[in-house]
Amino acid sequence: MTMKHAATRDLYCYWDSLRGTRMAPERVDIDPGAIRRVLGDTFIVEVDEQRSYPYRLAGTRLCALMGHELRGLSALEVWNGADAVEMRRLLSAVSDDSAAVVAGIEAISNQGHSLEVELLLLPLRHHGKTHSRILGSLTPGDVPYWIGVCPIERMVIRSIRILWPSTREPITTTPIPPPLPPGVRRFGHLTIVDGGRR
């Protein structure tokens, strides 16, 4: 499973070693001391009945990136439109199918700064239940000066890689872009707005 950042690889390898032959490890198996180096970027969300995915735990670096404490807030609050739909699909794949997900994300601050981050989502069991918790991390490519000052207000999915359990092969996908309004079209990587002379 391709991962850009060492912190993402560390958390995935730790989770993978804990699960052994199981689809996912138990929540109680997680030892914060064993992942001390990546703990600041790590989070656990609950798979609740409403599927709002509230944070149960969130690391200090992640809270600094978002500009506030995340515990109790929905993990979906920074996603809009097609990205919100795609993120719900990914969270369901993790909780329902025990898939592991790595996504390349563009995080955008309230002042328009852009930051490349890597999102990891991993299934966790809780008291034997599979639809219960998701372990994850959100790791920035670098640490710009504005982190902790200009909070992230939205995220955009740029790439997705899903690792299905058992014998299924990893699948790499690109999210489907939202439909364009009338008079707007795509040509290659350009967005063209039709117009004309008056």
N, C-alpha and C. Protein backbone atom coordinates (compact mmCIF):
# COMPACT_ATOMS: atom_id res chain seq x y z
N MET A 1 0.86 -1.18 0.00
CA MET A 1 0.00 0.00 0.00
C MET A 1 0.90 1.24 0.00
N THR A 2 0.82 2.08 -1.03
CA THR A 2 1.71 3.22 -1.18
C THR A 2 1.32 4.35 -0.23
N MET A 3 2.28 4.80 0.55
CA MET A 3 2.07 5.91 1.48
C MET A 3 3.26 6.84 1.39
N LYS A 4 3.00 8.13 1.31
CA LYS A 4 4.07 9.11 1.12
C LYS A 4 4.83 9.40 2.40
N HIS A 5 4.13 9.45 3.52
CA HIS A 5 4.74 9.94 4.75
C HIS A 5 5.07 8.82 5.73
N ALA A 6 6.20 8.96 6.39
CA ALA A 6 6.67 7.94 7.34
C ALA A 6 5.67 7.74 8.47
N ALA A 7 5.03 8.82 8.92
CA ALA A 7 4.07 8.72 10.02
C ALA A 7 2.88 7.85 9.62
N THR A 8 2.42 7.99 8.37
CA THR A 8 1.32 7.16 7.87
C THR A 8 1.74 5.70 7.83
N ARG A 9 2.93 5.44 7.32
CA ARG A 9 3.44 4.06 7.25
C ARG A 9 3.59 3.46 8.64
N ASP A 10 4.08 4.26 9.59
CA ASP A 10 4.27 3.76 10.95
C ASP A 10 2.95 3.32 11.58
N LEU A 11 1.92 4.16 11.42
CA LEU A 11 0.62 3.83 12.02
C LEU A 11 0.02 2.60 11.33
N TYR A 12 0.12 2.55 10.01
CA TYR A 12 -0.43 1.40 9.28
C TYR A 12 0.27 0.10 9.72
N CYS A 13 1.59 0.12 9.80
CA CYS A 13 2.35 -1.09 10.18
C CYS A 13 2.02 -1.52 11.60
N TYR A 14 1.83 -0.55 12.50
CA TYR A 14 1.46 -0.87 13.89
C TYR A 14 0.08 -1.53 13.91
N TRP A 15 -0.88 -0.92 13.22
CA TRP A 15 -2.25 -1.47 13.14
C TRP A 15 -2.22 -2.87 12.53
N ASP A 16 -1.47 -3.05 11.45
CA ASP A 16 -1.39 -4.33 10.75
C ASP A 16 -0.80 -5.42 11.65
N SER A 17 0.21 -5.03 12.45
CA SER A 17 0.82 -6.02 13.36
C SER A 17 -0.14 -6.41 14.48
N LEU A 18 -0.98 -5.48 14.93
CA LEU A 18 -1.94 -5.77 15.99
C LEU A 18 -3.07 -6.68 15.52
N ARG A 19 -3.51 -6.50 14.29
CA ARG A 19 -4.68 -7.28 13.85
C ARG A 19 -4.34 -8.75 13.58
N GLY A 20 -3.09 -9.04 13.20
CA GLY A 20 -2.72 -10.42 12.93
C GLY A 20 -3.58 -11.01 11.84
N THR A 21 -4.31 -12.08 12.15
CA THR A 21 -5.18 -12.72 11.16
C THR A 21 -6.61 -12.19 11.22
N ARG A 22 -6.87 -11.25 12.12
CA ARG A 22 -8.22 -10.68 12.24
C ARG A 22 -8.43 -9.60 11.18
N MET A 23 -9.68 -9.24 10.93
CA MET A 23 -9.98 -8.15 10.00
C MET A 23 -9.53 -6.81 10.57
N ALA A 24 -9.59 -6.68 11.90
CA ALA A 24 -9.20 -5.43 12.55
C ALA A 24 -8.87 -5.73 14.01
N PRO A 25 -7.95 -4.94 14.60
CA PRO A 25 -7.66 -5.12 16.03
C PRO A 25 -8.75 -4.49 16.89
N GLU A 26 -8.72 -4.83 18.18
CA GLU A 26 -9.65 -4.22 19.13
C GLU A 26 -9.15 -2.83 19.54
N ARG A 27 -10.06 -1.96 19.89
CA ARG A 27 -9.71 -0.62 20.37
C ARG A 27 -8.76 -0.71 21.56
N VAL A 28 -8.99 -1.66 22.45
CA VAL A 28 -8.17 -1.77 23.66
C VAL A 28 -6.74 -2.24 23.34
N ASP A 29 -6.53 -2.77 22.14
CA ASP A 29 -5.19 -3.22 21.74
C ASP A 29 -4.24 -2.04 21.50
N ILE A 30 -4.81 -0.86 21.21
CA ILE A 30 -4.00 0.30 20.85
C ILE A 30 -3.30 0.84 22.09
N ASP A 31 -1.97 0.89 22.04
CA ASP A 31 -1.15 1.42 23.13
C ASP A 31 -0.58 2.77 22.68
N PRO A 32 -1.06 3.88 23.24
CA PRO A 32 -0.56 5.20 22.81
C PRO A 32 0.96 5.32 22.89
N GLY A 33 1.58 4.67 23.86
CA GLY A 33 3.03 4.73 23.98
C GLY A 33 3.75 4.12 22.79
N ALA A 34 3.13 3.13 22.17
CA ALA A 34 3.75 2.45 21.03
C ALA A 34 3.73 3.30 19.77
N ILE A 35 2.83 4.29 19.73
CA ILE A 35 2.75 5.17 18.55
C ILE A 35 3.02 6.63 18.94
N ARG A 36 3.86 6.79 19.96
CA ARG A 36 4.15 8.12 20.52
C ARG A 36 4.57 9.11 19.44
N ARG A 37 5.39 8.64 18.48
CA ARG A 37 5.95 9.54 17.46
C ARG A 37 4.86 10.11 16.53
N VAL A 38 3.78 9.37 16.34
CA VAL A 38 2.74 9.81 15.41
C VAL A 38 1.44 10.20 16.12
N LEU A 39 1.45 10.15 17.44
CA LEU A 39 0.23 10.35 18.22
C LEU A 39 -0.42 11.71 17.95
N GLY A 40 0.39 12.74 17.73
CA GLY A 40 -0.15 14.09 17.50
C GLY A 40 -0.98 14.21 16.24
N ASP A 41 -0.75 13.31 15.26
CA ASP A 41 -1.49 13.34 13.98
C ASP A 41 -2.63 12.32 13.95
N THR A 42 -2.81 11.59 15.05
CA THR A 42 -3.71 10.44 15.07
C THR A 42 -5.07 10.81 15.66
N PHE A 43 -6.10 10.08 15.22
CA PHE A 43 -7.44 10.30 15.76
C PHE A 43 -8.21 8.98 15.79
N ILE A 44 -9.27 8.96 16.58
CA ILE A 44 -10.24 7.86 16.57
C ILE A 44 -11.62 8.49 16.45
N VAL A 45 -12.41 7.99 15.48
CA VAL A 45 -13.79 8.46 15.34
C VAL A 45 -14.73 7.30 15.65
N GLU A 46 -15.91 7.65 16.10
CA GLU A 46 -16.95 6.67 16.41
C GLU A 46 -17.84 6.49 15.19
N VAL A 47 -18.24 5.25 14.92
CA VAL A 47 -19.24 4.98 13.89
C VAL A 47 -20.59 5.00 14.60
N ASP A 48 -21.24 6.17 14.63
CA ASP A 48 -22.49 6.33 15.36
C ASP A 48 -23.68 5.99 14.47
N GLU A 49 -24.87 5.94 15.06
CA GLU A 49 -26.08 5.56 14.32
C GLU A 49 -26.38 6.54 13.19
N GLN A 50 -26.12 7.81 13.41
CA GLN A 50 -26.41 8.83 12.40
C GLN A 50 -25.33 8.92 11.31
N ARG A 51 -24.23 8.16 11.51
CA ARG A 51 -23.08 8.20 10.60
C ARG A 51 -22.56 9.63 10.44
N SER A 52 -22.46 10.34 11.57
CA SER A 52 -21.82 11.66 11.57
C SER A 52 -20.35 11.56 11.93
N TYR A 53 -19.92 10.39 12.43
CA TYR A 53 -18.53 10.09 12.74
C TYR A 53 -17.87 11.13 13.66
N PRO A 54 -18.35 11.24 14.90
CA PRO A 54 -17.73 12.19 15.84
C PRO A 54 -16.35 11.71 16.30
N TYR A 55 -15.46 12.67 16.51
CA TYR A 55 -14.14 12.36 17.05
C TYR A 55 -14.27 11.92 18.49
N ARG A 56 -13.64 10.80 18.86
CA ARG A 56 -13.54 10.38 20.25
C ARG A 56 -12.21 10.86 20.83
N LEU A 57 -11.16 10.83 20.01
CA LEU A 57 -9.83 11.30 20.38
C LEU A 57 -9.22 12.00 19.17
N ALA A 58 -8.42 13.03 19.41
CA ALA A 58 -7.72 13.71 18.32
C ALA A 58 -6.40 14.25 18.86
N GLY A 59 -5.31 14.00 18.12
CA GLY A 59 -3.98 14.42 18.54
C GLY A 59 -3.79 15.93 18.54
N THR A 60 -2.79 16.38 19.26
CA THR A 60 -2.56 17.82 19.42
C THR A 60 -2.21 18.51 18.11
N ARG A 61 -1.41 17.87 17.24
CA ARG A 61 -1.06 18.50 15.96
C ARG A 61 -2.28 18.60 15.05
N LEU A 62 -3.14 17.58 15.10
CA LEU A 62 -4.35 17.62 14.30
C LEU A 62 -5.28 18.74 14.76
N CYS A 63 -5.43 18.89 16.08
CA CYS A 63 -6.26 19.98 16.61
C CYS A 63 -5.68 21.34 16.26
N ALA A 64 -4.34 21.47 16.28
CA ALA A 64 -3.69 22.73 15.90
C ALA A 64 -3.95 23.03 14.42
N LEU A 65 -3.91 22.01 13.58
CA LEU A 65 -4.17 22.17 12.16
C LEU A 65 -5.58 22.69 11.92
N MET A 66 -6.54 22.15 12.68
CA MET A 66 -7.94 22.56 12.53
C MET A 66 -8.28 23.82 13.31
N GLY A 67 -7.40 24.20 14.24
CA GLY A 67 -7.61 25.45 14.96
C GLY A 67 -8.48 25.34 16.19
N HIS A 68 -8.87 24.12 16.60
CA HIS A 68 -9.70 23.95 17.79
C HIS A 68 -9.71 22.48 18.21
N GLU A 69 -10.21 22.24 19.41
CA GLU A 69 -10.37 20.87 19.92
C GLU A 69 -11.43 20.16 19.09
N LEU A 70 -11.17 18.91 18.72
CA LEU A 70 -12.07 18.18 17.81
C LEU A 70 -12.99 17.19 18.51
N ARG A 71 -12.68 16.82 19.73
CA ARG A 71 -13.46 15.79 20.44
C ARG A 71 -14.95 16.13 20.42
N GLY A 72 -15.78 15.18 19.95
CA GLY A 72 -17.22 15.37 19.89
C GLY A 72 -17.73 15.96 18.60
N LEU A 73 -16.84 16.56 17.81
CA LEU A 73 -17.25 17.16 16.53
C LEU A 73 -17.22 16.11 15.42
N SER A 74 -17.99 16.35 14.37
CA SER A 74 -18.06 15.41 13.26
C SER A 74 -16.80 15.48 12.40
N ALA A 75 -16.30 14.31 12.01
CA ALA A 75 -15.14 14.25 11.12
C ALA A 75 -15.50 14.71 9.71
N LEU A 76 -16.79 14.93 9.44
CA LEU A 76 -17.23 15.35 8.11
C LEU A 76 -17.35 16.86 7.97
N GLU A 77 -17.09 17.62 9.04
CA GLU A 77 -17.39 19.05 9.00
C GLU A 77 -16.54 19.85 8.01
N VAL A 78 -15.37 19.36 7.61
CA VAL A 78 -14.51 20.12 6.69
C VAL A 78 -14.67 19.66 5.24
N TRP A 79 -15.67 18.80 4.98
CA TRP A 79 -15.88 18.28 3.62
C TRP A 79 -17.17 18.86 3.05
N ASN A 80 -17.14 19.23 1.77
CA ASN A 80 -18.31 19.83 1.13
C ASN A 80 -18.62 19.11 -0.18
N GLY A 81 -19.88 19.17 -0.60
CA GLY A 81 -20.29 18.70 -1.92
C GLY A 81 -19.87 17.27 -2.22
N ALA A 82 -19.28 17.08 -3.41
CA ALA A 82 -18.87 15.74 -3.85
C ALA A 82 -17.83 15.13 -2.93
N ASP A 83 -16.97 15.96 -2.33
CA ASP A 83 -15.95 15.44 -1.41
C ASP A 83 -16.59 14.87 -0.15
N ALA A 84 -17.67 15.50 0.33
CA ALA A 84 -18.38 14.99 1.51
C ALA A 84 -19.02 13.64 1.19
N VAL A 85 -19.61 13.53 -0.01
CA VAL A 85 -20.22 12.26 -0.43
C VAL A 85 -19.16 11.16 -0.51
N GLU A 86 -18.01 11.49 -1.11
CA GLU A 86 -16.92 10.52 -1.26
C GLU A 86 -16.36 10.12 0.10
N MET A 87 -16.23 11.08 1.03
CA MET A 87 -15.70 10.76 2.35
C MET A 87 -16.66 9.85 3.12
N ARG A 88 -17.95 10.07 3.00
CA ARG A 88 -18.92 9.17 3.62
C ARG A 88 -18.78 7.75 3.06
N ARG A 89 -18.56 7.66 1.75
CA ARG A 89 -18.38 6.35 1.10
C ARG A 89 -17.13 5.65 1.64
N LEU A 90 -16.06 6.40 1.79
CA LEU A 90 -14.81 5.82 2.29
C LEU A 90 -14.94 5.37 3.74
N LEU A 91 -15.56 6.20 4.58
CA LEU A 91 -15.76 5.83 5.98
C LEU A 91 -16.63 4.59 6.09
N SER A 92 -17.63 4.46 5.21
CA SER A 92 -18.48 3.26 5.20
C SER A 92 -17.69 2.04 4.76
N ALA A 93 -16.79 2.21 3.78
CA ALA A 93 -15.96 1.09 3.33
C ALA A 93 -15.08 0.58 4.46
N VAL A 94 -14.59 1.51 5.29
CA VAL A 94 -13.75 1.12 6.42
C VAL A 94 -14.58 0.40 7.49
N SER A 95 -15.71 0.97 7.86
CA SER A 95 -16.50 0.39 8.95
C SER A 95 -17.31 -0.84 8.51
N ASP A 96 -17.82 -0.84 7.29
CA ASP A 96 -18.67 -1.95 6.83
C ASP A 96 -17.88 -3.11 6.24
N ASP A 97 -16.78 -2.80 5.54
CA ASP A 97 -16.04 -3.83 4.80
C ASP A 97 -14.63 -4.07 5.32
N SER A 98 -14.26 -3.41 6.42
CA SER A 98 -12.91 -3.53 7.00
C SER A 98 -11.81 -3.19 6.00
N ALA A 99 -12.08 -2.23 5.12
CA ALA A 99 -11.07 -1.77 4.17
C ALA A 99 -10.15 -0.77 4.87
N ALA A 100 -8.93 -0.65 4.35
CA ALA A 100 -8.00 0.41 4.78
C ALA A 100 -7.93 1.42 3.65
N VAL A 101 -7.88 2.70 4.01
CA VAL A 101 -7.91 3.76 3.00
C VAL A 101 -6.76 4.72 3.21
N VAL A 102 -6.08 5.08 2.12
CA VAL A 102 -5.11 6.18 2.12
C VAL A 102 -5.56 7.17 1.07
N ALA A 103 -5.63 8.45 1.43
CA ALA A 103 -6.07 9.47 0.48
C ALA A 103 -5.12 10.66 0.51
N GLY A 104 -4.84 11.17 -0.67
CA GLY A 104 -4.11 12.43 -0.80
C GLY A 104 -5.11 13.56 -0.76
N ILE A 105 -4.88 14.51 0.13
CA ILE A 105 -5.86 15.57 0.40
C ILE A 105 -5.20 16.95 0.23
N GLU A 106 -5.95 17.89 -0.34
CA GLU A 106 -5.53 19.30 -0.30
C GLU A 106 -6.34 19.98 0.80
N ALA A 107 -5.65 20.44 1.82
CA ALA A 107 -6.29 21.14 2.93
C ALA A 107 -6.16 22.64 2.70
N ILE A 108 -7.25 23.37 2.84
CA ILE A 108 -7.28 24.80 2.54
C ILE A 108 -7.68 25.57 3.80
N SER A 109 -6.85 26.56 4.16
CA SER A 109 -7.08 27.32 5.39
C SER A 109 -8.12 28.42 5.16
N ASN A 110 -8.52 29.06 6.26
CA ASN A 110 -9.49 30.15 6.16
C ASN A 110 -8.91 31.38 5.47
N GLN A 111 -7.59 31.41 5.26
CA GLN A 111 -6.94 32.50 4.54
C GLN A 111 -6.51 32.09 3.13
N GLY A 112 -6.94 30.89 2.71
CA GLY A 112 -6.63 30.44 1.35
C GLY A 112 -5.31 29.72 1.19
N HIS A 113 -4.58 29.46 2.28
CA HIS A 113 -3.36 28.67 2.18
C HIS A 113 -3.71 27.24 1.80
N SER A 114 -2.83 26.60 1.03
CA SER A 114 -3.05 25.22 0.62
C SER A 114 -1.95 24.34 1.18
N LEU A 115 -2.32 23.16 1.65
CA LEU A 115 -1.37 22.24 2.26
C LEU A 115 -1.69 20.82 1.84
N GLU A 116 -0.68 20.08 1.40
CA GLU A 116 -0.87 18.66 1.05
C GLU A 116 -0.81 17.84 2.33
N VAL A 117 -1.85 17.03 2.55
CA VAL A 117 -1.88 16.14 3.71
C VAL A 117 -2.24 14.73 3.25
N GLU A 118 -1.86 13.75 4.06
CA GLU A 118 -2.18 12.36 3.76
C GLU A 118 -3.10 11.82 4.84
N LEU A 119 -4.24 11.28 4.42
CA LEU A 119 -5.25 10.74 5.33
C LEU A 119 -5.20 9.22 5.32
N LEU A 120 -5.16 8.63 6.50
CA LEU A 120 -5.21 7.18 6.66
C LEU A 120 -6.43 6.83 7.50
N LEU A 121 -7.21 5.85 7.05
CA LEU A 121 -8.39 5.37 7.78
C LEU A 121 -8.31 3.86 7.93
N LEU A 122 -8.45 3.38 9.17
CA LEU A 122 -8.28 1.95 9.47
C LEU A 122 -9.41 1.47 10.38
N PRO A 123 -9.97 0.28 10.14
CA PRO A 123 -11.04 -0.21 11.00
C PRO A 123 -10.53 -0.67 12.37
N LEU A 124 -11.35 -0.44 13.38
CA LEU A 124 -11.09 -0.93 14.74
C LEU A 124 -12.34 -1.62 15.26
N ARG A 125 -12.16 -2.68 16.00
CA ARG A 125 -13.27 -3.32 16.71
C ARG A 125 -13.36 -2.70 18.11
N HIS A 126 -14.57 -2.70 18.67
CA HIS A 126 -14.76 -2.19 20.03
C HIS A 126 -15.76 -3.12 20.72
N HIS A 127 -15.29 -3.85 21.75
CA HIS A 127 -16.11 -4.86 22.42
C HIS A 127 -16.64 -5.88 21.40
N GLY A 128 -15.81 -6.22 20.41
CA GLY A 128 -16.19 -7.22 19.41
C GLY A 128 -17.00 -6.69 18.25
N LYS A 129 -17.48 -5.46 18.34
CA LYS A 129 -18.29 -4.88 17.26
C LYS A 129 -17.38 -4.31 16.18
N THR A 130 -17.72 -4.57 14.91
CA THR A 130 -16.92 -4.04 13.81
C THR A 130 -17.38 -2.65 13.39
N HIS A 131 -18.66 -2.35 13.56
CA HIS A 131 -19.17 -1.02 13.20
C HIS A 131 -19.11 -0.13 14.43
N SER A 132 -17.91 0.26 14.81
CA SER A 132 -17.79 0.95 16.09
C SER A 132 -16.79 2.11 16.07
N ARG A 133 -15.54 1.83 15.67
CA ARG A 133 -14.48 2.85 15.73
C ARG A 133 -13.64 2.80 14.46
N ILE A 134 -13.06 3.94 14.12
CA ILE A 134 -12.11 4.05 13.02
C ILE A 134 -10.87 4.76 13.54
N LEU A 135 -9.73 4.14 13.34
CA LEU A 135 -8.44 4.74 13.68
C LEU A 135 -7.90 5.44 12.45
N GLY A 136 -7.34 6.64 12.63
CA GLY A 136 -6.82 7.35 11.46
C GLY A 136 -5.72 8.31 11.81
N SER A 137 -5.13 8.86 10.76
CA SER A 137 -4.14 9.92 10.94
C SER A 137 -4.28 10.90 9.78
N LEU A 138 -3.89 12.13 10.03
CA LEU A 138 -3.87 13.17 9.01
C LEU A 138 -2.51 13.85 9.11
N THR A 139 -1.64 13.55 8.16
CA THR A 139 -0.24 13.96 8.24
C THR A 139 0.10 14.97 7.17
N PRO A 140 0.54 16.18 7.54
CA PRO A 140 0.93 17.18 6.53
C PRO A 140 2.28 16.85 5.90
N GLY A 141 2.43 17.27 4.63
CA GLY A 141 3.70 17.08 3.93
C GLY A 141 4.81 17.92 4.52
N ASP A 142 4.47 19.11 5.00
CA ASP A 142 5.43 19.95 5.71
C ASP A 142 4.67 20.71 6.80
N VAL A 143 5.38 21.54 7.54
CA VAL A 143 4.75 22.29 8.63
C VAL A 143 4.94 23.78 8.36
N PRO A 144 4.05 24.39 7.60
CA PRO A 144 4.19 25.81 7.27
C PRO A 144 3.97 26.71 8.49
N TYR A 145 4.40 27.94 8.36
CA TYR A 145 4.36 28.89 9.48
C TYR A 145 2.95 29.16 9.98
N TRP A 146 1.94 28.99 9.11
CA TRP A 146 0.59 29.42 9.47
C TRP A 146 -0.21 28.36 10.24
N ILE A 147 0.32 27.14 10.40
CA ILE A 147 -0.40 26.13 11.17
C ILE A 147 -0.54 26.59 12.62
N GLY A 148 -1.74 26.50 13.14
CA GLY A 148 -2.02 26.96 14.50
C GLY A 148 -2.52 28.39 14.53
N VAL A 149 -2.37 29.09 13.39
CA VAL A 149 -2.83 30.48 13.29
C VAL A 149 -4.02 30.58 12.34
N CYS A 150 -3.92 29.92 11.18
CA CYS A 150 -4.97 29.93 10.17
C CYS A 150 -5.56 28.52 10.07
N PRO A 151 -6.72 28.28 10.68
CA PRO A 151 -7.27 26.93 10.72
C PRO A 151 -7.72 26.43 9.35
N ILE A 152 -7.65 25.12 9.17
CA ILE A 152 -8.17 24.49 7.96
C ILE A 152 -9.69 24.58 8.00
N GLU A 153 -10.28 25.05 6.89
CA GLU A 153 -11.74 25.14 6.87
C GLU A 153 -12.39 24.20 5.85
N ARG A 154 -11.60 23.69 4.89
CA ARG A 154 -12.16 22.67 4.00
C ARG A 154 -11.05 21.80 3.43
N MET A 155 -11.46 20.61 2.99
CA MET A 155 -10.52 19.66 2.41
C MET A 155 -11.07 19.13 1.10
N VAL A 156 -10.15 18.86 0.18
CA VAL A 156 -10.51 18.37 -1.15
C VAL A 156 -9.72 17.08 -1.41
N ILE A 157 -10.42 16.04 -1.84
CA ILE A 157 -9.78 14.76 -2.12
C ILE A 157 -9.09 14.84 -3.48
N ARG A 158 -7.80 14.48 -3.51
CA ARG A 158 -7.03 14.49 -4.76
C ARG A 158 -6.73 13.08 -5.26
N SER A 159 -6.59 12.11 -4.37
CA SER A 159 -6.36 10.72 -4.79
C SER A 159 -6.82 9.79 -3.68
N ILE A 160 -7.17 8.57 -4.06
CA ILE A 160 -7.67 7.58 -3.11
C ILE A 160 -7.04 6.23 -3.42
N ARG A 161 -6.65 5.53 -2.38
CA ARG A 161 -6.21 4.14 -2.53
C ARG A 161 -6.89 3.33 -1.45
N ILE A 162 -7.59 2.26 -1.88
CA ILE A 162 -8.33 1.41 -0.96
C ILE A 162 -7.68 0.04 -0.95
N LEU A 163 -7.40 -0.47 0.25
CA LEU A 163 -6.88 -1.82 0.39
C LEU A 163 -7.97 -2.68 1.01
N TRP A 164 -8.54 -3.56 0.18
CA TRP A 164 -9.62 -4.43 0.65
C TRP A 164 -9.03 -5.57 1.46
N PRO A 165 -9.77 -6.11 2.42
CA PRO A 165 -9.26 -7.24 3.20
C PRO A 165 -9.17 -8.51 2.38
N SER A 166 -8.59 -9.53 2.97
CA SER A 166 -8.42 -10.88 2.40
C SER A 166 -7.64 -10.83 1.10
N THR A 167 -8.19 -11.42 0.05
CA THR A 167 -7.41 -11.59 -1.19
C THR A 167 -7.65 -10.49 -2.20
N ARG A 168 -8.51 -9.55 -1.90
CA ARG A 168 -8.80 -8.51 -2.89
C ARG A 168 -7.61 -7.59 -3.09
N GLU A 169 -7.41 -7.18 -4.31
CA GLU A 169 -6.27 -6.33 -4.67
C GLU A 169 -6.55 -4.88 -4.28
N PRO A 170 -5.48 -4.11 -3.98
CA PRO A 170 -5.68 -2.68 -3.75
C PRO A 170 -6.18 -1.99 -5.01
N ILE A 171 -7.03 -1.03 -4.83
CA ILE A 171 -7.62 -0.30 -5.96
C ILE A 171 -7.28 1.18 -5.81
N THR A 172 -6.80 1.79 -6.89
CA THR A 172 -6.52 3.22 -6.89
C THR A 172 -7.58 3.91 -7.73
N THR A 173 -8.21 4.93 -7.17
CA THR A 173 -9.24 5.65 -7.90
C THR A 173 -9.00 7.15 -7.79
N THR A 174 -9.64 7.88 -8.67
CA THR A 174 -9.65 9.33 -8.59
C THR A 174 -11.10 9.74 -8.42
N PRO A 175 -11.42 10.61 -7.45
CA PRO A 175 -12.82 10.97 -7.24
C PRO A 175 -13.45 11.60 -8.48
N ILE A 176 -14.74 11.33 -8.68
CA ILE A 176 -15.45 11.91 -9.81
C ILE A 176 -15.73 13.37 -9.51
N PRO A 177 -15.34 14.30 -10.43
CA PRO A 177 -15.58 15.71 -10.16
C PRO A 177 -17.07 16.02 -10.19
N PRO A 178 -17.50 17.04 -9.44
CA PRO A 178 -18.91 17.39 -9.43
C PRO A 178 -19.33 17.93 -10.79
N PRO A 179 -20.65 17.82 -11.14
CA PRO A 179 -21.10 18.34 -12.43
C PRO A 179 -20.90 19.85 -12.52
N LEU A 180 -20.63 20.31 -13.74
CA LEU A 180 -20.39 21.74 -13.96
C LEU A 180 -21.70 22.44 -14.29
N PRO A 181 -21.83 23.73 -13.95
CA PRO A 181 -23.04 24.46 -14.28
C PRO A 181 -23.14 24.70 -15.79
N PRO A 182 -24.31 25.05 -16.30
CA PRO A 182 -24.47 25.32 -17.73
C PRO A 182 -23.50 26.41 -18.19
N GLY A 183 -22.93 26.21 -19.39
CA GLY A 183 -22.01 27.20 -19.94
C GLY A 183 -20.57 27.03 -19.48
N VAL A 184 -20.31 25.98 -18.66
CA VAL A 184 -18.96 25.72 -18.19
C VAL A 184 -18.58 24.31 -18.62
N ARG A 185 -17.37 24.11 -19.14
CA ARG A 185 -16.93 22.79 -19.58
C ARG A 185 -15.46 22.60 -19.27
N ARG A 186 -15.04 21.35 -19.27
CA ARG A 186 -13.64 21.02 -19.04
C ARG A 186 -12.97 20.67 -20.36
N PHE A 187 -11.72 21.11 -20.51
CA PHE A 187 -10.90 20.73 -21.65
C PHE A 187 -9.52 20.39 -21.10
N GLY A 188 -9.23 19.07 -20.99
CA GLY A 188 -7.98 18.67 -20.34
C GLY A 188 -8.02 19.10 -18.88
N HIS A 189 -6.99 19.83 -18.44
CA HIS A 189 -6.95 20.30 -17.05
C HIS A 189 -7.55 21.69 -16.89
N LEU A 190 -8.11 22.27 -18.00
CA LEU A 190 -8.67 23.64 -17.97
C LEU A 190 -10.18 23.60 -17.76
N THR A 191 -10.70 24.61 -17.10
CA THR A 191 -12.15 24.82 -17.01
C THR A 191 -12.48 26.03 -17.84
N ILE A 192 -13.38 25.84 -18.83
CA ILE A 192 -13.69 26.91 -19.79
C ILE A 192 -15.11 27.38 -19.54
N VAL A 193 -15.26 28.70 -19.44
CA VAL A 193 -16.58 29.32 -19.29
C VAL A 193 -16.95 29.91 -20.64
N ASP A 194 -18.05 29.36 -21.24
CA ASP A 194 -18.46 29.83 -22.56
C ASP A 194 -18.98 31.26 -22.45
N GLY A 195 -18.65 32.04 -23.41
CA GLY A 195 -19.09 33.43 -23.46
C GLY A 195 -19.16 33.87 -24.92
N GLY A 196 -19.30 35.12 -25.12
CA GLY A 196 -19.35 35.61 -26.50
C GLY A 196 -19.36 37.11 -26.54
N ARG A 197 -19.30 37.62 -27.76
CA ARG A 197 -19.36 39.07 -27.92
C ARG A 197 -20.79 39.54 -27.78
N ARG A 198 -20.92 40.73 -27.22
CA ARG A 198 -22.28 41.28 -27.08
C ARG A 198 -22.62 42.08 -28.31
